[in-house]
Amino acid sequence: MRIVKLNDHQYAQARVILHDDGTITLRSYKTDVVQAIPYGKNLMSYELHCTGTYSRTTIRHIGWFMREYFNLSNYYDIKKIAGTGDSHITRLTKY
């Protein structure tokens, strides 16, 4: 497992956890808010679990994470996934 900062936002209170099994977790402050779990035969396809959108700052963290790891630049992409705050799943391909 490795913990890294977002490339373009080194001073943000957000970290990305790269797990040995290929799972990618976004931690904003002390809360895991997005988890991308690999599925299929390669490590380029993911099921995305998002537990909510939280604060305005965490929303920015989620947007930066989605842009860096999945080339999704629109906050509304993650909002659709988060829905009402329950864990929802969508399938993405890593950028």
PDB file of N, CA and C in Angstrom:
ATOM      1  N   MET A   1       0.851  -1.177   0.000  1.00  0.00           N
ATOM      2  CA  MET A   1       0.000   0.000   0.000  1.00  0.00           C
ATOM      3  C   MET A   1       0.897   1.240   0.000  1.00  0.00           C
ATOM      4  N   ARG A   2       0.505   2.216  -0.822  1.00  0.00           N
ATOM      5  CA  ARG A   2       1.197   3.502  -0.861  1.00  0.00           C
ATOM      6  C   ARG A   2       0.175   4.615  -0.684  1.00  0.00           C
ATOM      7  N   ILE A   3       0.575   5.663   0.006  1.00  0.00           N
ATOM      8  CA  ILE A   3      -0.268   6.842   0.163  1.00  0.00           C
ATOM      9  C   ILE A   3       0.432   7.995  -0.544  1.00  0.00           C
ATOM     10  N   VAL A   4      -0.285   8.615  -1.486  1.00  0.00           N
ATOM     11  CA  VAL A   4       0.293   9.698  -2.282  1.00  0.00           C
ATOM     12  C   VAL A   4      -0.619  10.922  -2.227  1.00  0.00           C
ATOM     13  N   LYS A   5      -0.056  12.062  -2.593  1.00  0.00           N
ATOM     14  CA  LYS A   5      -0.828  13.292  -2.700  1.00  0.00           C
ATOM     15  C   LYS A   5      -1.354  13.420  -4.128  1.00  0.00           C
ATOM     16  N   LEU A   6      -2.365  14.241  -4.302  1.00  0.00           N
ATOM     17  CA  LEU A   6      -2.835  14.553  -5.648  1.00  0.00           C
ATOM     18  C   LEU A   6      -1.748  15.356  -6.351  1.00  0.00           C
ATOM     19  N   ASN A   7      -1.430  15.017  -7.581  1.00  0.00           N
ATOM     20  CA  ASN A   7      -0.298  15.619  -8.291  1.00  0.00           C
ATOM     21  C   ASN A   7      -0.333  17.142  -8.359  1.00  0.00           C
ATOM     22  N   ASP A   8      -1.464  17.710  -8.713  1.00  0.00           N
ATOM     23  CA  ASP A   8      -1.547  19.156  -8.903  1.00  0.00           C
ATOM     24  C   ASP A   8      -2.016  19.903  -7.662  1.00  0.00           C
ATOM     25  N   HIS A   9      -2.198  19.180  -6.567  1.00  0.00           N
ATOM     26  CA  HIS A   9      -2.737  19.793  -5.348  1.00  0.00           C
ATOM     27  C   HIS A   9      -1.995  19.238  -4.135  1.00  0.00           C
ATOM     28  N   GLN A  10      -0.698  19.450  -4.102  1.00  0.00           N
ATOM     29  CA  GLN A  10       0.176  18.880  -3.083  1.00  0.00           C
ATOM     30  C   GLN A  10      -0.166  19.334  -1.666  1.00  0.00           C
ATOM     31  N   TYR A  11      -0.776  20.495  -1.512  1.00  0.00           N
ATOM     32  CA  TYR A  11      -1.049  21.022  -0.176  1.00  0.00           C
ATOM     33  C   TYR A  11      -2.479  20.776   0.281  1.00  0.00           C
ATOM     34  N   ALA A  12      -3.274  20.122  -0.548  1.00  0.00           N
ATOM     35  CA  ALA A  12      -4.657  19.811  -0.175  1.00  0.00           C
ATOM     36  C   ALA A  12      -4.668  18.753   0.927  1.00  0.00           C
ATOM     37  N   GLN A  13      -5.708  18.785   1.736  1.00  0.00           N
ATOM     38  CA  GLN A  13      -5.876  17.789   2.794  1.00  0.00           C
ATOM     39  C   GLN A  13      -6.564  16.543   2.219  1.00  0.00           C
ATOM     40  N   ALA A  14      -6.009  16.050   1.129  1.00  0.00           N
ATOM     41  CA  ALA A  14      -6.538  14.861   0.461  1.00  0.00           C
ATOM     42  C   ALA A  14      -5.371  13.951   0.126  1.00  0.00           C
ATOM     43  N   ARG A  15      -5.585  12.660   0.281  1.00  0.00           N
ATOM     44  CA  ARG A  15      -4.564  11.665  -0.045  1.00  0.00           C
ATOM     45  C   ARG A  15      -5.214  10.562  -0.866  1.00  0.00           C
ATOM     46  N   VAL A  16      -4.409   9.947  -1.711  1.00  0.00           N
ATOM     47  CA  VAL A  16      -4.862   8.811  -2.499  1.00  0.00           C
ATOM     48  C   VAL A  16      -4.114   7.587  -1.981  1.00  0.00           C
ATOM     49  N   ILE A  17      -4.875   6.568  -1.653  1.00  0.00           N
ATOM     50  CA  ILE A  17      -4.285   5.329  -1.156  1.00  0.00           C
ATOM     51  C   ILE A  17      -4.316   4.316  -2.291  1.00  0.00           C
ATOM     52  N   LEU A  18      -3.142   3.860  -2.678  1.00  0.00           N
ATOM     53  CA  LEU A  18      -3.003   2.863  -3.740  1.00  0.00           C
ATOM     54  C   LEU A  18      -2.754   1.517  -3.064  1.00  0.00           C
ATOM     55  N   HIS A  19      -3.777   0.689  -3.050  1.00  0.00           N
ATOM     56  CA  HIS A  19      -3.709  -0.603  -2.371  1.00  0.00           C
ATOM     57  C   HIS A  19      -2.999  -1.635  -3.249  1.00  0.00           C
ATOM     58  N   ASP A  20      -2.446  -2.647  -2.609  1.00  0.00           N
ATOM     59  CA  ASP A  20      -1.718  -3.697  -3.324  1.00  0.00           C
ATOM     60  C   ASP A  20      -2.606  -4.468  -4.295  1.00  0.00           C
ATOM     61  N   ASP A  21      -3.911  -4.554  -4.025  1.00  0.00           N
ATOM     62  CA  ASP A  21      -4.823  -5.297  -4.901  1.00  0.00           C
ATOM     63  C   ASP A  21      -5.329  -4.462  -6.073  1.00  0.00           C
ATOM     64  N   GLY A  22      -4.852  -3.209  -6.205  1.00  0.00           N
ATOM     65  CA  GLY A  22      -5.261  -2.343  -7.313  1.00  0.00           C
ATOM     66  C   GLY A  22      -6.358  -1.360  -6.954  1.00  0.00           C
ATOM     67  N   THR A  23      -6.938  -1.486  -5.777  1.00  0.00           N
ATOM     68  CA  THR A  23      -7.973  -0.556  -5.324  1.00  0.00           C
ATOM     69  C   THR A  23      -7.351   0.819  -5.101  1.00  0.00           C
ATOM     70  N   ILE A  24      -8.111   1.861  -5.450  1.00  0.00           N
ATOM     71  CA  ILE A  24      -7.669   3.241  -5.265  1.00  0.00           C
ATOM     72  C   ILE A  24      -8.692   3.931  -4.375  1.00  0.00           C
ATOM     73  N   THR A  25      -8.232   4.516  -3.271  1.00  0.00           N
ATOM     74  CA  THR A  25      -9.129   5.180  -2.325  1.00  0.00           C
ATOM     75  C   THR A  25      -8.754   6.648  -2.200  1.00  0.00           C
ATOM     76  N   LEU A  26      -9.750   7.525  -2.258  1.00  0.00           N
ATOM     77  CA  LEU A  26      -9.537   8.940  -1.983  1.00  0.00           C
ATOM     78  C   LEU A  26      -9.927   9.201  -0.539  1.00  0.00           C
ATOM     79  N   ARG A  27      -8.997   9.756   0.220  1.00  0.00           N
ATOM     80  CA  ARG A  27      -9.264  10.148   1.600  1.00  0.00           C
ATOM     81  C   ARG A  27      -9.205  11.672   1.662  1.00  0.00           C
ATOM     82  N   SER A  28     -10.309  12.276   2.043  1.00  0.00           N
ATOM     83  CA  SER A  28     -10.381  13.723   2.216  1.00  0.00           C
ATOM     84  C   SER A  28     -10.414  13.987   3.715  1.00  0.00           C
ATOM     85  N   TYR A  29      -9.435  14.730   4.193  1.00  0.00           N
ATOM     86  CA  TYR A  29      -9.226  14.907   5.622  1.00  0.00           C
ATOM     87  C   TYR A  29      -9.047  13.524   6.236  1.00  0.00           C
ATOM     88  N   LYS A  30      -9.974  13.042   7.037  1.00  0.00           N
ATOM     89  CA  LYS A  30      -9.825  11.715   7.665  1.00  0.00           C
ATOM     90  C   LYS A  30     -10.905  10.743   7.209  1.00  0.00           C
ATOM     91  N   THR A  31     -11.600  11.081   6.125  1.00  0.00           N
ATOM     92  CA  THR A  31     -12.726  10.267   5.657  1.00  0.00           C
ATOM     93  C   THR A  31     -12.443   9.693   4.279  1.00  0.00           C
ATOM     94  N   ASP A  32     -12.636   8.389   4.132  1.00  0.00           N
ATOM     95  CA  ASP A  32     -12.552   7.756   2.814  1.00  0.00           C
ATOM     96  C   ASP A  32     -13.861   8.058   2.085  1.00  0.00           C
ATOM     97  N   VAL A  33     -13.784   8.817   0.990  1.00  0.00           N
ATOM     98  CA  VAL A  33     -15.007   9.258   0.321  1.00  0.00           C
ATOM     99  C   VAL A  33     -15.255   8.560  -1.011  1.00  0.00           C
ATOM    100  N   VAL A  34     -14.205   8.115  -1.688  1.00  0.00           N
ATOM    101  CA  VAL A  34     -14.354   7.411  -2.959  1.00  0.00           C
ATOM    102  C   VAL A  34     -13.426   6.206  -2.937  1.00  0.00           C
ATOM    103  N   GLN A  35     -13.957   5.084  -3.404  1.00  0.00           N
ATOM    104  CA  GLN A  35     -13.135   3.888  -3.543  1.00  0.00           C
ATOM    105  C   GLN A  35     -13.364   3.311  -4.929  1.00  0.00           C
ATOM    106  N   ALA A  36     -12.276   3.135  -5.665  1.00  0.00           N
ATOM    107  CA  ALA A  36     -12.329   2.542  -7.008  1.00  0.00           C
ATOM    108  C   ALA A  36     -11.756   1.132  -6.896  1.00  0.00           C
ATOM    109  N   ILE A  37     -12.613   0.150  -7.148  1.00  0.00           N
ATOM    110  CA  ILE A  37     -12.230  -1.250  -6.989  1.00  0.00           C
ATOM    111  C   ILE A  37     -12.118  -1.887  -8.368  1.00  0.00           C
ATOM    112  N   PRO A  38     -10.950  -2.478  -8.682  1.00  0.00           N
ATOM    113  CA  PRO A  38     -10.777  -3.068 -10.008  1.00  0.00           C
ATOM    114  C   PRO A  38     -11.708  -4.264 -10.223  1.00  0.00           C
ATOM    115  N   TYR A  39     -12.173  -4.417 -11.455  1.00  0.00           N
ATOM    116  CA  TYR A  39     -12.945  -5.595 -11.818  1.00  0.00           C
ATOM    117  C   TYR A  39     -12.492  -6.043 -13.194  1.00  0.00           C
ATOM    118  N   GLY A  40     -12.774  -7.260 -13.514  1.00  0.00           N
ATOM    119  CA  GLY A  40     -12.377  -7.799 -14.814  1.00  0.00           C
ATOM    120  C   GLY A  40     -10.953  -8.315 -14.791  1.00  0.00           C
ATOM    121  N   LYS A  41     -10.423  -8.545 -15.963  1.00  0.00           N
ATOM    122  CA  LYS A  41      -9.116  -9.184 -16.085  1.00  0.00           C
ATOM    123  C   LYS A  41      -7.941  -8.222 -15.995  1.00  0.00           C
ATOM    124  N   ASN A  42      -8.200  -6.940 -16.163  1.00  0.00           N
ATOM    125  CA  ASN A  42      -7.088  -5.990 -16.094  1.00  0.00           C
ATOM    126  C   ASN A  42      -7.333  -4.981 -14.986  1.00  0.00           C
ATOM    127  N   LEU A  43      -6.358  -4.158 -14.724  1.00  0.00           N
ATOM    128  CA  LEU A  43      -6.503  -3.148 -13.677  1.00  0.00           C
ATOM    129  C   LEU A  43      -6.872  -1.790 -14.251  1.00  0.00           C
ATOM    130  N   MET A  44      -7.554  -1.780 -15.386  1.00  0.00           N
ATOM    131  CA  MET A  44      -7.944  -0.525 -16.005  1.00  0.00           C
ATOM    132  C   MET A  44      -9.446  -0.269 -15.897  1.00  0.00           C
ATOM    133  N   SER A  45     -10.203  -1.232 -15.425  1.00  0.00           N
ATOM    134  CA  SER A  45     -11.649  -1.066 -15.263  1.00  0.00           C
ATOM    135  C   SER A  45     -11.968  -1.098 -13.775  1.00  0.00           C
ATOM    136  N   TYR A  46     -12.830  -0.189 -13.351  1.00  0.00           N
ATOM    137  CA  TYR A  46     -13.110  -0.030 -11.926  1.00  0.00           C
ATOM    138  C   TYR A  46     -14.593   0.106 -11.653  1.00  0.00           C
ATOM    139  N   GLU A  47     -15.014  -0.405 -10.505  1.00  0.00           N
ATOM    140  CA  GLU A  47     -16.307  -0.076  -9.937  1.00  0.00           C
ATOM    141  C   GLU A  47     -16.045   1.036  -8.936  1.00  0.00           C
ATOM    142  N   LEU A  48     -16.804   2.083  -9.045  1.00  0.00           N
ATOM    143  CA  LEU A  48     -16.577   3.255  -8.211  1.00  0.00           C
ATOM    144  C   LEU A  48     -17.645   3.337  -7.131  1.00  0.00           C
ATOM    145  N   HIS A  49     -17.210   3.405  -5.892  1.00  0.00           N
ATOM    146  CA  HIS A  49     -18.105   3.544  -4.750  1.00  0.00           C
ATOM    147  C   HIS A  49     -17.886   4.932  -4.161  1.00  0.00           C
ATOM    148  N   CYS A  50     -18.957   5.687  -4.022  1.00  0.00           N
ATOM    149  CA  CYS A  50     -18.860   7.020  -3.436  1.00  0.00           C
ATOM    150  C   CYS A  50     -19.930   7.130  -2.364  1.00  0.00           C
ATOM    151  N   THR A  51     -19.531   7.501  -1.165  1.00  0.00           N
ATOM    152  CA  THR A  51     -20.480   7.526  -0.059  1.00  0.00           C
ATOM    153  C   THR A  51     -21.195   8.862   0.092  1.00  0.00           C
ATOM    154  N   GLY A  52     -20.771   9.890  -0.630  1.00  0.00           N
ATOM    155  CA  GLY A  52     -21.433  11.187  -0.553  1.00  0.00           C
ATOM    156  C   GLY A  52     -20.529  12.272  -1.082  1.00  0.00           C
ATOM    157  N   THR A  53     -21.020  13.501  -1.067  1.00  0.00           N
ATOM    158  CA  THR A  53     -20.219  14.605  -1.578  1.00  0.00           C
ATOM    159  C   THR A  53     -19.703  15.508  -0.468  1.00  0.00           C
ATOM    160  N   TYR A  54     -20.252  15.420   0.735  1.00  0.00           N
ATOM    161  CA  TYR A  54     -19.701  16.105   1.900  1.00  0.00           C
ATOM    162  C   TYR A  54     -19.583  17.616   1.718  1.00  0.00           C
ATOM    163  N   SER A  55     -18.484  18.202   2.201  1.00  0.00           N
ATOM    164  CA  SER A  55     -18.312  19.652   2.192  1.00  0.00           C
ATOM    165  C   SER A  55     -17.876  20.162   0.818  1.00  0.00           C
ATOM    166  N   ARG A  56     -17.900  21.471   0.677  1.00  0.00           N
ATOM    167  CA  ARG A  56     -17.467  22.091  -0.580  1.00  0.00           C
ATOM    168  C   ARG A  56     -15.999  21.757  -0.864  1.00  0.00           C
ATOM    169  N   THR A  57     -15.168  21.737   0.157  1.00  0.00           N
ATOM    170  CA  THR A  57     -13.753  21.409  -0.032  1.00  0.00           C
ATOM    171  C   THR A  57     -13.582  19.962  -0.461  1.00  0.00           C
ATOM    172  N   THR A  58     -14.315  19.052   0.170  1.00  0.00           N
ATOM    173  CA  THR A  58     -14.236  17.642  -0.215  1.00  0.00           C
ATOM    174  C   THR A  58     -14.750  17.437  -1.635  1.00  0.00           C
ATOM    175  N   ILE A  59     -15.747  18.202  -2.036  1.00  0.00           N
ATOM    176  CA  ILE A  59     -16.228  18.132  -3.418  1.00  0.00           C
ATOM    177  C   ILE A  59     -15.085  18.488  -4.373  1.00  0.00           C
ATOM    178  N   ARG A  60     -14.310  19.511  -4.025  1.00  0.00           N
ATOM    179  CA  ARG A  60     -13.145  19.862  -4.862  1.00  0.00           C
ATOM    180  C   ARG A  60     -12.136  18.718  -4.883  1.00  0.00           C
ATOM    181  N   HIS A  61     -11.885  18.091  -3.728  1.00  0.00           N
ATOM    182  CA  HIS A  61     -10.966  16.953  -3.673  1.00  0.00           C
ATOM    183  C   HIS A  61     -11.449  15.832  -4.593  1.00  0.00           C
ATOM    184  N   ILE A  62     -12.742  15.539  -4.538  1.00  0.00           N
ATOM    185  CA  ILE A  62     -13.303  14.486  -5.392  1.00  0.00           C
ATOM    186  C   ILE A  62     -13.115  14.845  -6.860  1.00  0.00           C
ATOM    187  N   GLY A  63     -13.390  16.082  -7.222  1.00  0.00           N
ATOM    188  CA  GLY A  63     -13.224  16.517  -8.607  1.00  0.00           C
ATOM    189  C   GLY A  63     -11.783  16.381  -9.079  1.00  0.00           C
ATOM    190  N   TRP A  64     -10.844  16.805  -8.241  1.00  0.00           N
ATOM    191  CA  TRP A  64      -9.424  16.692  -8.597  1.00  0.00           C
ATOM    192  C   TRP A  64      -9.019  15.233  -8.771  1.00  0.00           C
ATOM    193  N   PHE A  65      -9.487  14.378  -7.859  1.00  0.00           N
ATOM    194  CA  PHE A  65      -9.194  12.944  -7.917  1.00  0.00           C
ATOM    195  C   PHE A  65      -9.755  12.334  -9.199  1.00  0.00           C
ATOM    196  N   MET A  66     -11.007  12.636  -9.515  1.00  0.00           N
ATOM    197  CA  MET A  66     -11.649  12.069 -10.702  1.00  0.00           C
ATOM    198  C   MET A  66     -10.954  12.542 -11.975  1.00  0.00           C
ATOM    199  N   ARG A  67     -10.508  13.787 -11.988  1.00  0.00           N
ATOM    200  CA  ARG A  67      -9.796  14.323 -13.156  1.00  0.00           C
ATOM    201  C   ARG A  67      -8.447  13.628 -13.313  1.00  0.00           C
ATOM    202  N   GLU A  68      -7.735  13.456 -12.205  1.00  0.00           N
ATOM    203  CA  GLU A  68      -6.394  12.875 -12.266  1.00  0.00           C
ATOM    204  C   GLU A  68      -6.406  11.383 -12.587  1.00  0.00           C
ATOM    205  N   TYR A  69      -7.354  10.652 -12.023  1.00  0.00           N
ATOM    206  CA  TYR A  69      -7.334   9.197 -12.181  1.00  0.00           C
ATOM    207  C   TYR A  69      -8.274   8.663 -13.251  1.00  0.00           C
ATOM    208  N   PHE A  70      -9.357   9.395 -13.577  1.00  0.00           N
ATOM    209  CA  PHE A  70     -10.349   8.866 -14.512  1.00  0.00           C
ATOM    210  C   PHE A  70     -10.737   9.831 -15.622  1.00  0.00           C
ATOM    211  N   ASN A  71     -10.065  10.961 -15.703  1.00  0.00           N
ATOM    212  CA  ASN A  71     -10.317  11.950 -16.755  1.00  0.00           C
ATOM    213  C   ASN A  71     -11.776  12.421 -16.783  1.00  0.00           C
ATOM    214  N   LEU A  72     -12.405  12.493 -15.631  1.00  0.00           N
ATOM    215  CA  LEU A  72     -13.751  13.059 -15.526  1.00  0.00           C
ATOM    216  C   LEU A  72     -13.599  14.434 -14.896  1.00  0.00           C
ATOM    217  N   SER A  73     -13.954  15.473 -15.613  1.00  0.00           N
ATOM    218  CA  SER A  73     -13.689  16.815 -15.122  1.00  0.00           C
ATOM    219  C   SER A  73     -14.922  17.524 -14.576  1.00  0.00           C
ATOM    220  N   ASN A  74     -16.043  16.866 -14.588  1.00  0.00           N
ATOM    221  CA  ASN A  74     -17.282  17.514 -14.195  1.00  0.00           C
ATOM    222  C   ASN A  74     -17.741  16.985 -12.838  1.00  0.00           C
ATOM    223  N   TYR A  75     -17.984  17.889 -11.905  1.00  0.00           N
ATOM    224  CA  TYR A  75     -18.479  17.515 -10.584  1.00  0.00           C
ATOM    225  C   TYR A  75     -19.765  16.699 -10.684  1.00  0.00           C
ATOM    226  N   TYR A  76     -20.586  16.982 -11.656  1.00  0.00           N
ATOM    227  CA  TYR A  76     -21.864  16.290 -11.776  1.00  0.00           C
ATOM    228  C   TYR A  76     -21.687  14.809 -12.102  1.00  0.00           C
ATOM    229  N   ASP A  77     -20.536  14.437 -12.678  1.00  0.00           N
ATOM    230  CA  ASP A  77     -20.263  13.010 -12.902  1.00  0.00           C
ATOM    231  C   ASP A  77     -20.251  12.256 -11.575  1.00  0.00           C
ATOM    232  N   ILE A  78     -19.572  12.809 -10.590  1.00  0.00           N
ATOM    233  CA  ILE A  78     -19.495  12.138  -9.294  1.00  0.00           C
ATOM    234  C   ILE A  78     -20.795  12.306  -8.518  1.00  0.00           C
ATOM    235  N   LYS A  79     -21.477  13.415  -8.704  1.00  0.00           N
ATOM    236  CA  LYS A  79     -22.743  13.613  -8.007  1.00  0.00           C
ATOM    237  C   LYS A  79     -23.761  12.558  -8.424  1.00  0.00           C
ATOM    238  N   LYS A  80     -23.775  12.196  -9.706  1.00  0.00           N
ATOM    239  CA  LYS A  80     -24.666  11.140 -10.178  1.00  0.00           C
ATOM    240  C   LYS A  80     -24.352   9.830  -9.478  1.00  0.00           C
ATOM    241  N   ILE A  81     -23.062   9.578  -9.261  1.00  0.00           N
ATOM    242  CA  ILE A  81     -22.640   8.345  -8.608  1.00  0.00           C
ATOM    243  C   ILE A  81     -23.030   8.364  -7.137  1.00  0.00           C
ATOM    244  N   ALA A  82     -22.823   9.507  -6.485  1.00  0.00           N
ATOM    245  CA  ALA A  82     -23.082   9.606  -5.054  1.00  0.00           C
ATOM    246  C   ALA A  82     -24.574   9.553  -4.745  1.00  0.00           C
ATOM    247  N   GLY A  83     -25.390  10.058  -5.644  1.00  0.00           N
ATOM    248  CA  GLY A  83     -26.832  10.023  -5.431  1.00  0.00           C
ATOM    249  C   GLY A  83     -27.227  10.730  -4.152  1.00  0.00           C
ATOM    250  N   THR A  84     -27.911  10.029  -3.283  1.00  0.00           N
ATOM    251  CA  THR A  84     -28.427  10.636  -2.055  1.00  0.00           C
ATOM    252  C   THR A  84     -27.498  10.424  -0.866  1.00  0.00           C
ATOM    253  N   GLY A  85     -26.305   9.967  -1.102  1.00  0.00           N
ATOM    254  CA  GLY A  85     -25.375   9.734  -0.005  1.00  0.00           C
ATOM    255  C   GLY A  85     -25.130   8.257   0.241  1.00  0.00           C
ATOM    256  N   ASP A  86     -25.941   7.402  -0.343  1.00  0.00           N
ATOM    257  CA  ASP A  86     -25.694   5.973  -0.222  1.00  0.00           C
ATOM    258  C   ASP A  86     -24.547   5.596  -1.137  1.00  0.00           C
ATOM    259  N   SER A  87     -23.962   4.432  -0.900  1.00  0.00           N
ATOM    260  CA  SER A  87     -22.865   3.981  -1.748  1.00  0.00           C
ATOM    261  C   SER A  87     -23.436   3.487  -3.070  1.00  0.00           C
ATOM    262  N   HIS A  88     -23.069   4.136  -4.156  1.00  0.00           N
ATOM    263  CA  HIS A  88     -23.501   3.732  -5.482  1.00  0.00           C
ATOM    264  C   HIS A  88     -22.299   3.304  -6.298  1.00  0.00           C
ATOM    265  N   ILE A  89     -22.547   2.532  -7.310  1.00  0.00           N
ATOM    266  CA  ILE A  89     -21.469   1.962  -8.102  1.00  0.00           C
ATOM    267  C   ILE A  89     -21.647   2.354  -9.561  1.00  0.00           C
ATOM    268  N   THR A  90     -20.565   2.681 -10.187  1.00  0.00           N
ATOM    269  CA  THR A  90     -20.538   2.842 -11.633  1.00  0.00           C
ATOM    270  C   THR A  90     -19.236   2.234 -12.117  1.00  0.00           C
ATOM    271  N   ARG A  91     -19.168   1.888 -13.353  1.00  0.00           N
ATOM    272  CA  ARG A  91     -17.950   1.293 -13.894  1.00  0.00           C
ATOM    273  C   ARG A  91     -17.228   2.300 -14.757  1.00  0.00           C
ATOM    274  N   LEU A  92     -15.938   2.436 -14.519  1.00  0.00           N
ATOM    275  CA  LEU A  92     -15.102   3.401 -15.218  1.00  0.00           C
ATOM    276  C   LEU A  92     -13.854   2.730 -15.739  1.00  0.00           C
ATOM    277  N   THR A  93     -13.249   3.366 -16.686  1.00  0.00           N
ATOM    278  CA  THR A  93     -11.940   2.913 -17.181  1.00  0.00           C
ATOM    279  C   THR A  93     -10.913   3.935 -16.758  1.00  0.00           C
ATOM    280  N   LYS A  94      -9.815   3.460 -16.230  1.00  0.00           N
ATOM    281  CA  LYS A  94      -8.765   4.356 -15.763  1.00  0.00           C
ATOM    282  C   LYS A  94      -8.151   5.076 -16.949  1.00  0.00           C
ATOM    283  N   TYR A  95      -7.896   6.349 -16.769  1.00  0.00           N
ATOM    284  CA  TYR A  95      -7.362   7.222 -17.803  1.00  0.00           C
ATOM    285  C   TYR A  95      -5.914   6.914 -18.050  1.00  0.00           C
TER     286      TYR A  95
END
